[in-house]
Amino acid sequence: MKVNLKTLTFNKIFKKAPIVSLDGQPVLLFNQQHPSLLIALEQKKVQVFSECRNGYCGACKTKIISGSVIYHTEPLVKLKADECLPCCCTPVSDLDLNLSPEGADVVTRSGISAAVIIREQTKT
């Protein structure tokens, strides 16, 4: 099949940018200037807990209500089909997310444990 260069250019220029929503509320129009979903959300002042920013720790794990993402770096964290790591992905379609405190809870609990141990060691 022969590809029409004019059609290809038109589709590339006027391709609909994915709309990112949180629990059904549109938050941003994702574009190529955003290197990752996490950075795009942060630029819109959406607070997403994150640590490594590279897909290693899973702190930013987020539930996908609808839509799909593509990963720039394959995450080391095991994810369910309805989860993503905003730090290393971008949306390929309109995306509706439910920001989950699950990842933040794991890191916070380990941080509290470490603080308790340090405090106990300084008492003796």
PDB file of N, CA and C in Angstrom:
ATOM      1  N   MET A   1       0.841  -1.186   0.000  1.00  0.00           N
ATOM      2  CA  MET A   1       0.000   0.000   0.000  1.00  0.00           C
ATOM      3  C   MET A   1       0.881   1.242   0.000  1.00  0.00           C
ATOM      4  N   LYS A   2       0.547   2.167  -0.857  1.00  0.00           N
ATOM      5  CA  LYS A   2       1.307   3.412  -0.954  1.00  0.00           C
ATOM      6  C   LYS A   2       0.806   4.399   0.097  1.00  0.00           C
ATOM      7  N   VAL A   3       1.746   5.011   0.806  1.00  0.00           N
ATOM      8  CA  VAL A   3       1.401   5.974   1.854  1.00  0.00           C
ATOM      9  C   VAL A   3       1.403   7.371   1.259  1.00  0.00           C
ATOM     10  N   ASN A   4       0.331   8.091   1.475  1.00  0.00           N
ATOM     11  CA  ASN A   4       0.214   9.464   1.009  1.00  0.00           C
ATOM     12  C   ASN A   4       0.914  10.370   2.016  1.00  0.00           C
ATOM     13  N   LEU A   5       1.984  11.028   1.584  1.00  0.00           N
ATOM     14  CA  LEU A   5       2.777  11.876   2.472  1.00  0.00           C
ATOM     15  C   LEU A   5       1.952  13.011   3.064  1.00  0.00           C
ATOM     16  N   LYS A   6       1.041  13.595   2.275  1.00  0.00           N
ATOM     17  CA  LYS A   6       0.202  14.684   2.788  1.00  0.00           C
ATOM     18  C   LYS A   6      -0.705  14.187   3.912  1.00  0.00           C
ATOM     19  N   THR A   7      -1.281  13.006   3.732  1.00  0.00           N
ATOM     20  CA  THR A   7      -2.152  12.441   4.766  1.00  0.00           C
ATOM     21  C   THR A   7      -1.351  12.113   6.017  1.00  0.00           C
ATOM     22  N   LEU A   8      -0.168  11.532   5.827  1.00  0.00           N
ATOM     23  CA  LEU A   8       0.690  11.181   6.957  1.00  0.00           C
ATOM     24  C   LEU A   8       1.074  12.422   7.753  1.00  0.00           C
ATOM     25  N   THR A   9       1.459  13.496   7.062  1.00  0.00           N
ATOM     26  CA  THR A   9       1.830  14.750   7.725  1.00  0.00           C
ATOM     27  C   THR A   9       0.630  15.356   8.439  1.00  0.00           C
ATOM     28  N   PHE A  10      -0.533  15.364   7.785  1.00  0.00           N
ATOM     29  CA  PHE A  10      -1.748  15.904   8.394  1.00  0.00           C
ATOM     30  C   PHE A  10      -2.076  15.146   9.677  1.00  0.00           C
ATOM     31  N   ASN A  11      -2.035  13.818   9.628  1.00  0.00           N
ATOM     32  CA  ASN A  11      -2.350  13.004  10.805  1.00  0.00           C
ATOM     33  C   ASN A  11      -1.359  13.248  11.936  1.00  0.00           C
ATOM     34  N   LYS A  12      -0.090  13.438  11.595  1.00  0.00           N
ATOM     35  CA  LYS A  12       0.921  13.683  12.625  1.00  0.00           C
ATOM     36  C   LYS A  12       0.720  15.053  13.280  1.00  0.00           C
ATOM     37  N   ILE A  13       0.433  16.059  12.472  1.00  0.00           N
ATOM     38  CA  ILE A  13       0.268  17.421  12.991  1.00  0.00           C
ATOM     39  C   ILE A  13      -1.017  17.559  13.799  1.00  0.00           C
ATOM     40  N   PHE A  14      -2.106  16.981  13.299  1.00  0.00           N
ATOM     41  CA  PHE A  14      -3.400  17.184  13.929  1.00  0.00           C
ATOM     42  C   PHE A  14      -3.860  16.001  14.773  1.00  0.00           C
ATOM     43  N   LYS A  15      -2.932  15.150  15.130  1.00  0.00           N
ATOM     44  CA  LYS A  15      -3.268  14.020  15.988  1.00  0.00           C
ATOM     45  C   LYS A  15      -3.789  14.551  17.319  1.00  0.00           C
ATOM     46  N   LYS A  16      -4.874  13.981  17.770  1.00  0.00           N
ATOM     47  CA  LYS A  16      -5.484  14.420  19.025  1.00  0.00           C
ATOM     48  C   LYS A  16      -4.572  14.060  20.198  1.00  0.00           C
ATOM     49  N   ALA A  17      -4.225  15.057  20.980  1.00  0.00           N
ATOM     50  CA  ALA A  17      -3.410  14.817  22.170  1.00  0.00           C
ATOM     51  C   ALA A  17      -4.273  14.160  23.242  1.00  0.00           C
ATOM     52  N   PRO A  18      -3.715  13.178  23.964  1.00  0.00           N
ATOM     53  CA  PRO A  18      -4.494  12.512  25.012  1.00  0.00           C
ATOM     54  C   PRO A  18      -4.898  13.470  26.134  1.00  0.00           C
ATOM     55  N   ILE A  19      -6.125  13.327  26.581  1.00  0.00           N
ATOM     56  CA  ILE A  19      -6.621  14.077  27.736  1.00  0.00           C
ATOM     57  C   ILE A  19      -6.408  13.202  28.962  1.00  0.00           C
ATOM     58  N   VAL A  20      -5.763  13.758  29.979  1.00  0.00           N
ATOM     59  CA  VAL A  20      -5.535  13.026  31.226  1.00  0.00           C
ATOM     60  C   VAL A  20      -6.520  13.542  32.263  1.00  0.00           C
ATOM     61  N   SER A  21      -7.275  12.625  32.853  1.00  0.00           N
ATOM     62  CA  SER A  21      -8.281  12.971  33.866  1.00  0.00           C
ATOM     63  C   SER A  21      -7.967  12.251  35.162  1.00  0.00           C
ATOM     64  N   LEU A  22      -8.417  12.845  36.256  1.00  0.00           N
ATOM     65  CA  LEU A  22      -8.330  12.214  37.574  1.00  0.00           C
ATOM     66  C   LEU A  22      -9.749  11.980  38.050  1.00  0.00           C
ATOM     67  N   ASP A  23     -10.104  10.729  38.226  1.00  0.00           N
ATOM     68  CA  ASP A  23     -11.459  10.342  38.628  1.00  0.00           C
ATOM     69  C   ASP A  23     -12.525  11.035  37.777  1.00  0.00           C
ATOM     70  N   GLY A  24     -12.306  11.058  36.464  1.00  0.00           N
ATOM     71  CA  GLY A  24     -13.287  11.615  35.538  1.00  0.00           C
ATOM     72  C   GLY A  24     -13.191  13.109  35.301  1.00  0.00           C
ATOM     73  N   GLN A  25     -12.369  13.815  36.069  1.00  0.00           N
ATOM     74  CA  GLN A  25     -12.220  15.264  35.910  1.00  0.00           C
ATOM     75  C   GLN A  25     -10.995  15.557  35.044  1.00  0.00           C
ATOM     76  N   PRO A  26     -11.157  16.147  33.855  1.00  0.00           N
ATOM     77  CA  PRO A  26     -10.004  16.458  33.001  1.00  0.00           C
ATOM     78  C   PRO A  26      -9.019  17.389  33.707  1.00  0.00           C
ATOM     79  N   VAL A  27      -7.739  17.041  33.629  1.00  0.00           N
ATOM     80  CA  VAL A  27      -6.696  17.812  34.303  1.00  0.00           C
ATOM     81  C   VAL A  27      -5.744  18.449  33.297  1.00  0.00           C
ATOM     82  N   LEU A  28      -5.385  17.713  32.249  1.00  0.00           N
ATOM     83  CA  LEU A  28      -4.420  18.253  31.300  1.00  0.00           C
ATOM     84  C   LEU A  28      -4.541  17.592  29.941  1.00  0.00           C
ATOM     85  N   LEU A  29      -4.001  18.288  28.956  1.00  0.00           N
ATOM     86  CA  LEU A  29      -3.887  17.785  27.600  1.00  0.00           C
ATOM     87  C   LEU A  29      -2.423  17.407  27.432  1.00  0.00           C
ATOM     88  N   PHE A  30      -2.141  16.114  27.319  1.00  0.00           N
ATOM     89  CA  PHE A  30      -0.753  15.645  27.257  1.00  0.00           C
ATOM     90  C   PHE A  30      -0.170  15.934  25.885  1.00  0.00           C
ATOM     91  N   ASN A  31       1.061  16.468  25.856  1.00  0.00           N
ATOM     92  CA  ASN A  31       1.719  16.716  24.570  1.00  0.00           C
ATOM     93  C   ASN A  31       3.176  16.273  24.622  1.00  0.00           C
ATOM     94  N   GLN A  32       3.851  16.384  23.505  1.00  0.00           N
ATOM     95  CA  GLN A  32       5.229  15.899  23.377  1.00  0.00           C
ATOM     96  C   GLN A  32       6.226  16.673  24.242  1.00  0.00           C
ATOM     97  N   GLN A  33       5.843  17.824  24.775  1.00  0.00           N
ATOM     98  CA  GLN A  33       6.741  18.591  25.636  1.00  0.00           C
ATOM     99  C   GLN A  33       6.884  17.951  27.011  1.00  0.00           C
ATOM    100  N   HIS A  34       5.981  17.050  27.346  1.00  0.00           N
ATOM    101  CA  HIS A  34       6.045  16.366  28.636  1.00  0.00           C
ATOM    102  C   HIS A  34       6.852  15.079  28.478  1.00  0.00           C
ATOM    103  N   PRO A  35       8.002  14.967  29.148  1.00  0.00           N
ATOM    104  CA  PRO A  35       8.799  13.745  29.023  1.00  0.00           C
ATOM    105  C   PRO A  35       8.162  12.527  29.698  1.00  0.00           C
ATOM    106  N   SER A  36       7.307  12.760  30.683  1.00  0.00           N
ATOM    107  CA  SER A  36       6.621  11.649  31.357  1.00  0.00           C
ATOM    108  C   SER A  36       5.282  12.139  31.897  1.00  0.00           C
ATOM    109  N   LEU A  37       4.434  11.193  32.211  1.00  0.00           N
ATOM    110  CA  LEU A  37       3.133  11.522  32.793  1.00  0.00           C
ATOM    111  C   LEU A  37       3.316  12.205  34.146  1.00  0.00           C
ATOM    112  N   LEU A  38       4.280  11.756  34.933  1.00  0.00           N
ATOM    113  CA  LEU A  38       4.536  12.352  36.249  1.00  0.00           C
ATOM    114  C   LEU A  38       4.884  13.831  36.119  1.00  0.00           C
ATOM    115  N   ILE A  39       5.779  14.162  35.225  1.00  0.00           N
ATOM    116  CA  ILE A  39       6.183  15.566  35.047  1.00  0.00           C
ATOM    117  C   ILE A  39       5.005  16.405  34.565  1.00  0.00           C
ATOM    118  N   ALA A  40       4.203  15.866  33.671  1.00  0.00           N
ATOM    119  CA  ALA A  40       3.023  16.595  33.187  1.00  0.00           C
ATOM    120  C   ALA A  40       2.055  16.882  34.327  1.00  0.00           C
ATOM    121  N   LEU A  41       1.819  15.891  35.183  1.00  0.00           N
ATOM    122  CA  LEU A  41       0.918  16.087  36.327  1.00  0.00           C
ATOM    123  C   LEU A  41       1.496  17.105  37.308  1.00  0.00           C
ATOM    124  N   GLU A  42       2.793  17.018  37.578  1.00  0.00           N
ATOM    125  CA  GLU A  42       3.429  17.971  38.497  1.00  0.00           C
ATOM    126  C   GLU A  42       3.358  19.394  37.959  1.00  0.00           C
ATOM    127  N   GLN A  43       3.499  19.565  36.660  1.00  0.00           N
ATOM    128  CA  GLN A  43       3.406  20.902  36.069  1.00  0.00           C
ATOM    129  C   GLN A  43       2.012  21.493  36.233  1.00  0.00           C
ATOM    130  N   LYS A  44       1.016  20.636  36.382  1.00  0.00           N
ATOM    131  CA  LYS A  44      -0.359  21.091  36.630  1.00  0.00           C
ATOM    132  C   LYS A  44      -0.670  21.130  38.124  1.00  0.00           C
ATOM    133  N   LYS A  45       0.360  21.041  38.949  1.00  0.00           N
ATOM    134  CA  LYS A  45       0.245  21.122  40.416  1.00  0.00           C
ATOM    135  C   LYS A  45      -0.526  19.946  41.024  1.00  0.00           C
ATOM    136  N   VAL A  46      -0.522  18.802  40.335  1.00  0.00           N
ATOM    137  CA  VAL A  46      -1.119  17.584  40.890  1.00  0.00           C
ATOM    138  C   VAL A  46      -0.026  16.890  41.684  1.00  0.00           C
ATOM    139  N   GLN A  47      -0.274  16.665  42.965  1.00  0.00           N
ATOM    140  CA  GLN A  47       0.726  16.027  43.815  1.00  0.00           C
ATOM    141  C   GLN A  47       0.671  14.514  43.648  1.00  0.00           C
ATOM    142  N   VAL A  48       1.778  13.957  43.180  1.00  0.00           N
ATOM    143  CA  VAL A  48       1.918  12.516  43.028  1.00  0.00           C
ATOM    144  C   VAL A  48       3.147  12.116  43.822  1.00  0.00           C
ATOM    145  N   PHE A  49       2.978  11.202  44.764  1.00  0.00           N
ATOM    146  CA  PHE A  49       4.122  10.756  45.544  1.00  0.00           C
ATOM    147  C   PHE A  49       5.068  10.002  44.627  1.00  0.00           C
ATOM    148  N   SER A  50       6.350  10.337  44.684  1.00  0.00           N
ATOM    149  CA  SER A  50       7.345   9.635  43.870  1.00  0.00           C
ATOM    150  C   SER A  50       8.679   9.637  44.596  1.00  0.00           C
ATOM    151  N   GLU A  51       9.506   8.692  44.244  1.00  0.00           N
ATOM    152  CA  GLU A  51      10.838   8.591  44.836  1.00  0.00           C
ATOM    153  C   GLU A  51      11.899   8.550  43.740  1.00  0.00           C
ATOM    154  N   CYS A  52      12.029   7.415  43.064  1.00  0.00           N
ATOM    155  CA  CYS A  52      13.144   7.206  42.134  1.00  0.00           C
ATOM    156  C   CYS A  52      12.976   7.922  40.797  1.00  0.00           C
ATOM    157  N   ARG A  53      11.738   8.097  40.342  1.00  0.00           N
ATOM    158  CA  ARG A  53      11.408   8.753  39.074  1.00  0.00           C
ATOM    159  C   ARG A  53      11.919   7.984  37.849  1.00  0.00           C
ATOM    160  N   ASN A  54      12.192   6.685  38.034  1.00  0.00           N
ATOM    161  CA  ASN A  54      12.706   5.857  36.940  1.00  0.00           C
ATOM    162  C   ASN A  54      12.036   4.499  36.812  1.00  0.00           C
ATOM    163  N   GLY A  55      10.985   4.233  37.566  1.00  0.00           N
ATOM    164  CA  GLY A  55      10.299   2.951  37.459  1.00  0.00           C
ATOM    165  C   GLY A  55      10.868   1.842  38.313  1.00  0.00           C
ATOM    166  N   TYR A  56      11.729   2.197  39.283  1.00  0.00           N
ATOM    167  CA  TYR A  56      12.365   1.174  40.115  1.00  0.00           C
ATOM    168  C   TYR A  56      11.616   0.893  41.408  1.00  0.00           C
ATOM    169  N   CYS A  57      11.103   1.935  42.062  1.00  0.00           N
ATOM    170  CA  CYS A  57      10.588   1.760  43.430  1.00  0.00           C
ATOM    171  C   CYS A  57       9.082   1.507  43.511  1.00  0.00           C
ATOM    172  N   GLY A  58       8.305   1.983  42.567  1.00  0.00           N
ATOM    173  CA  GLY A  58       6.861   1.788  42.591  1.00  0.00           C
ATOM    174  C   GLY A  58       6.108   2.770  43.460  1.00  0.00           C
ATOM    175  N   ALA A  59       6.779   3.783  43.980  1.00  0.00           N
ATOM    176  CA  ALA A  59       6.124   4.742  44.872  1.00  0.00           C
ATOM    177  C   ALA A  59       5.004   5.516  44.182  1.00  0.00           C
ATOM    178  N   CYS A  60       5.104   5.731  42.897  1.00  0.00           N
ATOM    179  CA  CYS A  60       4.092   6.518  42.178  1.00  0.00           C
ATOM    180  C   CYS A  60       3.003   5.644  41.553  1.00  0.00           C
ATOM    181  N   LYS A  61       2.945   4.376  41.925  1.00  0.00           N
ATOM    182  CA  LYS A  61       1.971   3.450  41.326  1.00  0.00           C
ATOM    183  C   LYS A  61       0.574   4.052  41.352  1.00  0.00           C
ATOM    184  N   THR A  62      -0.086   4.014  40.210  1.00  0.00           N
ATOM    185  CA  THR A  62      -1.381   4.658  40.030  1.00  0.00           C
ATOM    186  C   THR A  62      -2.336   3.719  39.308  1.00  0.00           C
ATOM    187  N   LYS A  63      -3.599   3.745  39.721  1.00  0.00           N
ATOM    188  CA  LYS A  63      -4.615   2.896  39.098  1.00  0.00           C
ATOM    189  C   LYS A  63      -5.153   3.568  37.838  1.00  0.00           C
ATOM    190  N   ILE A  64      -5.209   2.803  36.757  1.00  0.00           N
ATOM    191  CA  ILE A  64      -5.786   3.285  35.501  1.00  0.00           C
ATOM    192  C   ILE A  64      -7.259   2.888  35.478  1.00  0.00           C
ATOM    193  N   ILE A  65      -8.136   3.886  35.413  1.00  0.00           N
ATOM    194  CA  ILE A  65      -9.572   3.622  35.303  1.00  0.00           C
ATOM    195  C   ILE A  65      -9.901   3.287  33.846  1.00  0.00           C
ATOM    196  N   SER A  66      -9.347   4.078  32.921  1.00  0.00           N
ATOM    197  CA  SER A  66      -9.508   3.792  31.495  1.00  0.00           C
ATOM    198  C   SER A  66      -8.345   4.410  30.737  1.00  0.00           C
ATOM    199  N   GLY A  67      -8.051   3.851  29.562  1.00  0.00           N
ATOM    200  CA  GLY A  67      -6.964   4.352  28.738  1.00  0.00           C
ATOM    201  C   GLY A  67      -5.756   3.442  28.787  1.00  0.00           C
ATOM    202  N   SER A  68      -4.698   3.868  28.096  1.00  0.00           N
ATOM    203  CA  SER A  68      -3.479   3.064  28.071  1.00  0.00           C
ATOM    204  C   SER A  68      -2.250   3.961  28.006  1.00  0.00           C
ATOM    205  N   VAL A  69      -1.123   3.388  28.430  1.00  0.00           N
ATOM    206  CA  VAL A  69       0.147   4.108  28.467  1.00  0.00           C
ATOM    207  C   VAL A  69       1.212   3.274  27.761  1.00  0.00           C
ATOM    208  N   ILE A  70       2.315   3.936  27.438  1.00  0.00           N
ATOM    209  CA  ILE A  70       3.489   3.258  26.904  1.00  0.00           C
ATOM    210  C   ILE A  70       4.662   3.637  27.798  1.00  0.00           C
ATOM    211  N   TYR A  71       5.569   2.695  28.027  1.00  0.00           N
ATOM    212  CA  TYR A  71       6.713   2.934  28.911  1.00  0.00           C
ATOM    213  C   TYR A  71       7.961   3.274  28.110  1.00  0.00           C
ATOM    214  N   HIS A  72       8.692   4.295  28.580  1.00  0.00           N
ATOM    215  CA  HIS A  72       9.978   4.665  27.984  1.00  0.00           C
ATOM    216  C   HIS A  72      11.055   3.746  28.537  1.00  0.00           C
ATOM    217  N   THR A  73      10.928   3.434  29.812  1.00  0.00           N
ATOM    218  CA  THR A  73      11.813   2.512  30.510  1.00  0.00           C
ATOM    219  C   THR A  73      10.929   1.428  31.093  1.00  0.00           C
ATOM    220  N   GLU A  74      11.261   0.184  30.854  1.00  0.00           N
ATOM    221  CA  GLU A  74      10.451  -0.910  31.391  1.00  0.00           C
ATOM    222  C   GLU A  74      10.552  -0.892  32.915  1.00  0.00           C
ATOM    223  N   PRO A  75       9.417  -0.787  33.629  1.00  0.00           N
ATOM    224  CA  PRO A  75       9.463  -0.730  35.092  1.00  0.00           C
ATOM    225  C   PRO A  75       9.960  -2.044  35.694  1.00  0.00           C
ATOM    226  N   LEU A  76      10.674  -1.932  36.803  1.00  0.00           N
ATOM    227  CA  LEU A  76      11.138  -3.113  37.522  1.00  0.00           C
ATOM    228  C   LEU A  76      10.087  -3.601  38.507  1.00  0.00           C
ATOM    229  N   VAL A  77       9.098  -2.759  38.777  1.00  0.00           N
ATOM    230  CA  VAL A  77       8.025  -3.081  39.712  1.00  0.00           C
ATOM    231  C   VAL A  77       6.972  -3.910  38.980  1.00  0.00           C
ATOM    232  N   LYS A  78       6.449  -4.933  39.648  1.00  0.00           N
ATOM    233  CA  LYS A  78       5.361  -5.719  39.057  1.00  0.00           C
ATOM    234  C   LYS A  78       4.082  -4.895  39.129  1.00  0.00           C
ATOM    235  N   LEU A  79       3.407  -4.798  37.993  1.00  0.00           N
ATOM    236  CA  LEU A  79       2.176  -4.018  37.907  1.00  0.00           C
ATOM    237  C   LEU A  79       1.029  -4.896  37.440  1.00  0.00           C
ATOM    238  N   LYS A  80      -0.163  -4.583  37.932  1.00  0.00           N
ATOM    239  CA  LYS A  80      -1.374  -5.226  37.427  1.00  0.00           C
ATOM    240  C   LYS A  80      -1.735  -4.552  36.106  1.00  0.00           C
ATOM    241  N   ALA A  81      -2.639  -5.161  35.364  1.00  0.00           N
ATOM    242  CA  ALA A  81      -3.042  -4.616  34.061  1.00  0.00           C
ATOM    243  C   ALA A  81      -3.651  -3.225  34.180  1.00  0.00           C
ATOM    244  N   ASP A  82      -4.242  -2.909  35.341  1.00  0.00           N
ATOM    245  CA  ASP A  82      -4.888  -1.602  35.519  1.00  0.00           C
ATOM    246  C   ASP A  82      -4.042  -0.636  36.350  1.00  0.00           C
ATOM    247  N   GLU A  83      -2.725  -0.802  36.339  1.00  0.00           N
ATOM    248  CA  GLU A  83      -1.826   0.088  37.078  1.00  0.00           C
ATOM    249  C   GLU A  83      -0.744   0.621  36.145  1.00  0.00           C
ATOM    250  N   CYS A  84      -0.205   1.789  36.508  1.00  0.00           N
ATOM    251  CA  CYS A  84       0.917   2.346  35.759  1.00  0.00           C
ATOM    252  C   CYS A  84       1.850   3.077  36.714  1.00  0.00           C
ATOM    253  N   LEU A  85       3.047   3.359  36.225  1.00  0.00           N
ATOM    254  CA  LEU A  85       4.011   4.185  36.948  1.00  0.00           C
ATOM    255  C   LEU A  85       4.179   5.476  36.148  1.00  0.00           C
ATOM    256  N   PRO A  86       3.553   6.566  36.595  1.00  0.00           N
ATOM    257  CA  PRO A  86       3.621   7.828  35.849  1.00  0.00           C
ATOM    258  C   PRO A  86       5.036   8.345  35.613  1.00  0.00           C
ATOM    259  N   CYS A  87       5.993   7.931  36.438  1.00  0.00           N
ATOM    260  CA  CYS A  87       7.358   8.438  36.310  1.00  0.00           C
ATOM    261  C   CYS A  87       8.053   7.990  35.031  1.00  0.00           C
ATOM    262  N   CYS A  88       7.588   6.895  34.426  1.00  0.00           N
ATOM    263  CA  CYS A  88       8.304   6.378  33.251  1.00  0.00           C
ATOM    264  C   CYS A  88       7.375   6.020  32.094  1.00  0.00           C
ATOM    265  N   CYS A  89       6.195   6.646  32.048  1.00  0.00           N
ATOM    266  CA  CYS A  89       5.270   6.344  30.956  1.00  0.00           C
ATOM    267  C   CYS A  89       4.637   7.615  30.411  1.00  0.00           C
ATOM    268  N   THR A  90       4.021   7.469  29.250  1.00  0.00           N
ATOM    269  CA  THR A  90       3.223   8.535  28.650  1.00  0.00           C
ATOM    270  C   THR A  90       1.928   7.909  28.131  1.00  0.00           C
ATOM    271  N   PRO A  91       0.844   8.674  28.116  1.00  0.00           N
ATOM    272  CA  PRO A  91      -0.422   8.126  27.618  1.00  0.00           C
ATOM    273  C   PRO A  91      -0.418   8.006  26.095  1.00  0.00           C
ATOM    274  N   VAL A  92      -1.059   6.945  25.595  1.00  0.00           N
ATOM    275  CA  VAL A  92      -1.220   6.784  24.149  1.00  0.00           C
ATOM    276  C   VAL A  92      -2.678   6.967  23.743  1.00  0.00           C
ATOM    277  N   SER A  93      -3.526   7.193  24.732  1.00  0.00           N
ATOM    278  CA  SER A  93      -4.948   7.465  24.499  1.00  0.00           C
ATOM    279  C   SER A  93      -5.429   8.337  25.651  1.00  0.00           C
ATOM    280  N   ASP A  94      -6.671   8.796  25.578  1.00  0.00           N
ATOM    281  CA  ASP A  94      -7.225   9.504  26.731  1.00  0.00           C
ATOM    282  C   ASP A  94      -7.068   8.593  27.936  1.00  0.00           C
ATOM    283  N   LEU A  95      -6.758   9.190  29.076  1.00  0.00           N
ATOM    284  CA  LEU A  95      -6.398   8.418  30.257  1.00  0.00           C
ATOM    285  C   LEU A  95      -7.127   8.953  31.474  1.00  0.00           C
ATOM    286  N   ASP A  96      -7.781   8.069  32.211  1.00  0.00           N
ATOM    287  CA  ASP A  96      -8.445   8.442  33.460  1.00  0.00           C
ATOM    288  C   ASP A  96      -7.760   7.671  34.575  1.00  0.00           C
ATOM    289  N   LEU A  97      -7.255   8.398  35.570  1.00  0.00           N
ATOM    290  CA  LEU A  97      -6.481   7.804  36.658  1.00  0.00           C
ATOM    291  C   LEU A  97      -7.169   7.977  37.998  1.00  0.00           C
ATOM    292  N   ASN A  98      -6.860   7.073  38.907  1.00  0.00           N
ATOM    293  CA  ASN A  98      -7.252   7.185  40.302  1.00  0.00           C
ATOM    294  C   ASN A  98      -5.950   7.133  41.080  1.00  0.00           C
ATOM    295  N   LEU A  99      -5.475   8.289  41.549  1.00  0.00           N
ATOM    296  CA  LEU A  99      -4.195   8.331  42.252  1.00  0.00           C
ATOM    297  C   LEU A  99      -4.285   7.516  43.532  1.00  0.00           C
ATOM    298  N   SER A 100      -3.483   6.484  43.596  1.00  0.00           N
ATOM    299  CA  SER A 100      -3.529   5.545  44.711  1.00  0.00           C
ATOM    300  C   SER A 100      -2.482   5.886  45.764  1.00  0.00           C
ATOM    301  N   PRO A 101      -2.859   5.875  47.034  1.00  0.00           N
ATOM    302  CA  PRO A 101      -1.873   6.091  48.093  1.00  0.00           C
ATOM    303  C   PRO A 101      -1.084   4.825  48.411  1.00  0.00           C
ATOM    304  N   GLU A 102      -1.323   3.725  47.690  1.00  0.00           N
ATOM    305  CA  GLU A 102      -0.683   2.449  47.991  1.00  0.00           C
ATOM    306  C   GLU A 102       0.843   2.543  47.996  1.00  0.00           C
ATOM    307  N   GLY A 103       1.424   3.089  46.938  1.00  0.00           N
ATOM    308  CA  GLY A 103       2.875   3.197  46.870  1.00  0.00           C
ATOM    309  C   GLY A 103       3.427   4.109  47.947  1.00  0.00           C
ATOM    310  N   ALA A 104       2.762   5.225  48.186  1.00  0.00           N
ATOM    311  CA  ALA A 104       3.205   6.166  49.211  1.00  0.00           C
ATOM    312  C   ALA A 104       3.172   5.525  50.585  1.00  0.00           C
ATOM    313  N   ASP A 105       2.178   4.689  50.839  1.00  0.00           N
ATOM    314  CA  ASP A 105       2.041   4.043  52.136  1.00  0.00           C
ATOM    315  C   ASP A 105       3.234   3.141  52.423  1.00  0.00           C
ATOM    316  N   VAL A 106       3.695   2.404  51.444  1.00  0.00           N
ATOM    317  CA  VAL A 106       4.827   1.498  51.631  1.00  0.00           C
ATOM    318  C   VAL A 106       6.081   2.281  51.989  1.00  0.00           C
ATOM    319  N   VAL A 107       6.378   3.337  51.233  1.00  0.00           N
ATOM    320  CA  VAL A 107       7.576   4.129  51.484  1.00  0.00           C
ATOM    321  C   VAL A 107       7.470   4.861  52.811  1.00  0.00           C
ATOM    322  N   THR A 108       6.294   5.398  53.132  1.00  0.00           N
ATOM    323  CA  THR A 108       6.113   6.125  54.389  1.00  0.00           C
ATOM    324  C   THR A 108       6.309   5.195  55.578  1.00  0.00           C
ATOM    325  N   ARG A 109       5.732   4.006  55.508  1.00  0.00           N
ATOM    326  CA  ARG A 109       5.885   3.077  56.625  1.00  0.00           C
ATOM    327  C   ARG A 109       7.339   2.702  56.830  1.00  0.00           C
ATOM    328  N   SER A 110       8.081   2.478  55.761  1.00  0.00           N
ATOM    329  CA  SER A 110       9.489   2.127  55.931  1.00  0.00           C
ATOM    330  C   SER A 110      10.259   3.325  56.475  1.00  0.00           C
ATOM    331  N   GLY A 111       9.871   4.546  56.079  1.00  0.00           N
ATOM    332  CA  GLY A 111      10.518   5.750  56.595  1.00  0.00           C
ATOM    333  C   GLY A 111      10.263   5.936  58.080  1.00  0.00           C
ATOM    334  N   ILE A 112       9.034   5.658  58.532  1.00  0.00           N
ATOM    335  CA  ILE A 112       8.699   5.761  59.951  1.00  0.00           C
ATOM    336  C   ILE A 112       9.480   4.729  60.741  1.00  0.00           C
ATOM    337  N   SER A 113       9.568   3.526  60.229  1.00  0.00           N
ATOM    338  CA  SER A 113      10.311   2.475  60.919  1.00  0.00           C
ATOM    339  C   SER A 113      11.759   2.887  61.111  1.00  0.00           C
ATOM    340  N   ALA A 114      12.369   3.447  60.066  1.00  0.00           N
ATOM    341  CA  ALA A 114      13.760   3.874  60.159  1.00  0.00           C
ATOM    342  C   ALA A 114      13.908   4.989  61.181  1.00  0.00           C
ATOM    343  N   ALA A 115      12.963   5.925  61.228  1.00  0.00           N
ATOM    344  CA  ALA A 115      13.027   7.030  62.188  1.00  0.00           C
ATOM    345  C   ALA A 115      12.923   6.510  63.613  1.00  0.00           C
ATOM    346  N   VAL A 116      12.076   5.535  63.851  1.00  0.00           N
ATOM    347  CA  VAL A 116      11.923   4.961  65.193  1.00  0.00           C
ATOM    348  C   VAL A 116      13.212   4.278  65.617  1.00  0.00           C
ATOM    349  N   ILE A 117      13.838   3.535  64.728  1.00  0.00           N
ATOM    350  CA  ILE A 117      15.092   2.842  65.048  1.00  0.00           C
ATOM    351  C   ILE A 117      16.176   3.849  65.384  1.00  0.00           C
ATOM    352  N   ILE A 118      16.314   4.908  64.610  1.00  0.00           N
ATOM    353  CA  ILE A 118      17.336   5.932  64.869  1.00  0.00           C
ATOM    354  C   ILE A 118      17.091   6.594  66.214  1.00  0.00           C
ATOM    355  N   ARG A 119      15.836   6.922  66.520  1.00  0.00           N
ATOM    356  CA  ARG A 119      15.510   7.563  67.785  1.00  0.00           C
ATOM    357  C   ARG A 119      15.859   6.637  68.950  1.00  0.00           C
ATOM    358  N   GLU A 120      15.574   5.353  68.826  1.00  0.00           N
ATOM    359  CA  GLU A 120      15.874   4.403  69.895  1.00  0.00           C
ATOM    360  C   GLU A 120      17.375   4.247  70.084  1.00  0.00           C
ATOM    361  N   GLN A 121      18.150   4.293  69.015  1.00  0.00           N
ATOM    362  CA  GLN A 121      19.595   4.151  69.122  1.00  0.00           C
ATOM    363  C   GLN A 121      20.220   5.364  69.794  1.00  0.00           C
ATOM    364  N   THR A 122      19.673   6.544  69.613  1.00  0.00           N
ATOM    365  CA  THR A 122      20.242   7.750  70.212  1.00  0.00           C
ATOM    366  C   THR A 122      19.913   7.857  71.695  1.00  0.00           C
ATOM    367  N   LYS A 123      18.882   7.134  72.160  1.00  0.00           N
ATOM    368  CA  LYS A 123      18.530   7.162  73.578  1.00  0.00           C
ATOM    369  C   LYS A 123      19.555   6.410  74.416  1.00  0.00           C
ATOM    370  N   THR A 124      20.181   5.384  73.875  1.00  0.00           N
ATOM    371  CA  THR A 124      21.111   4.568  74.670  1.00  0.00           C
ATOM    372  C   THR A 124      22.506   5.092  74.644  1.00  0.00           C
TER     373      THR A 124
END
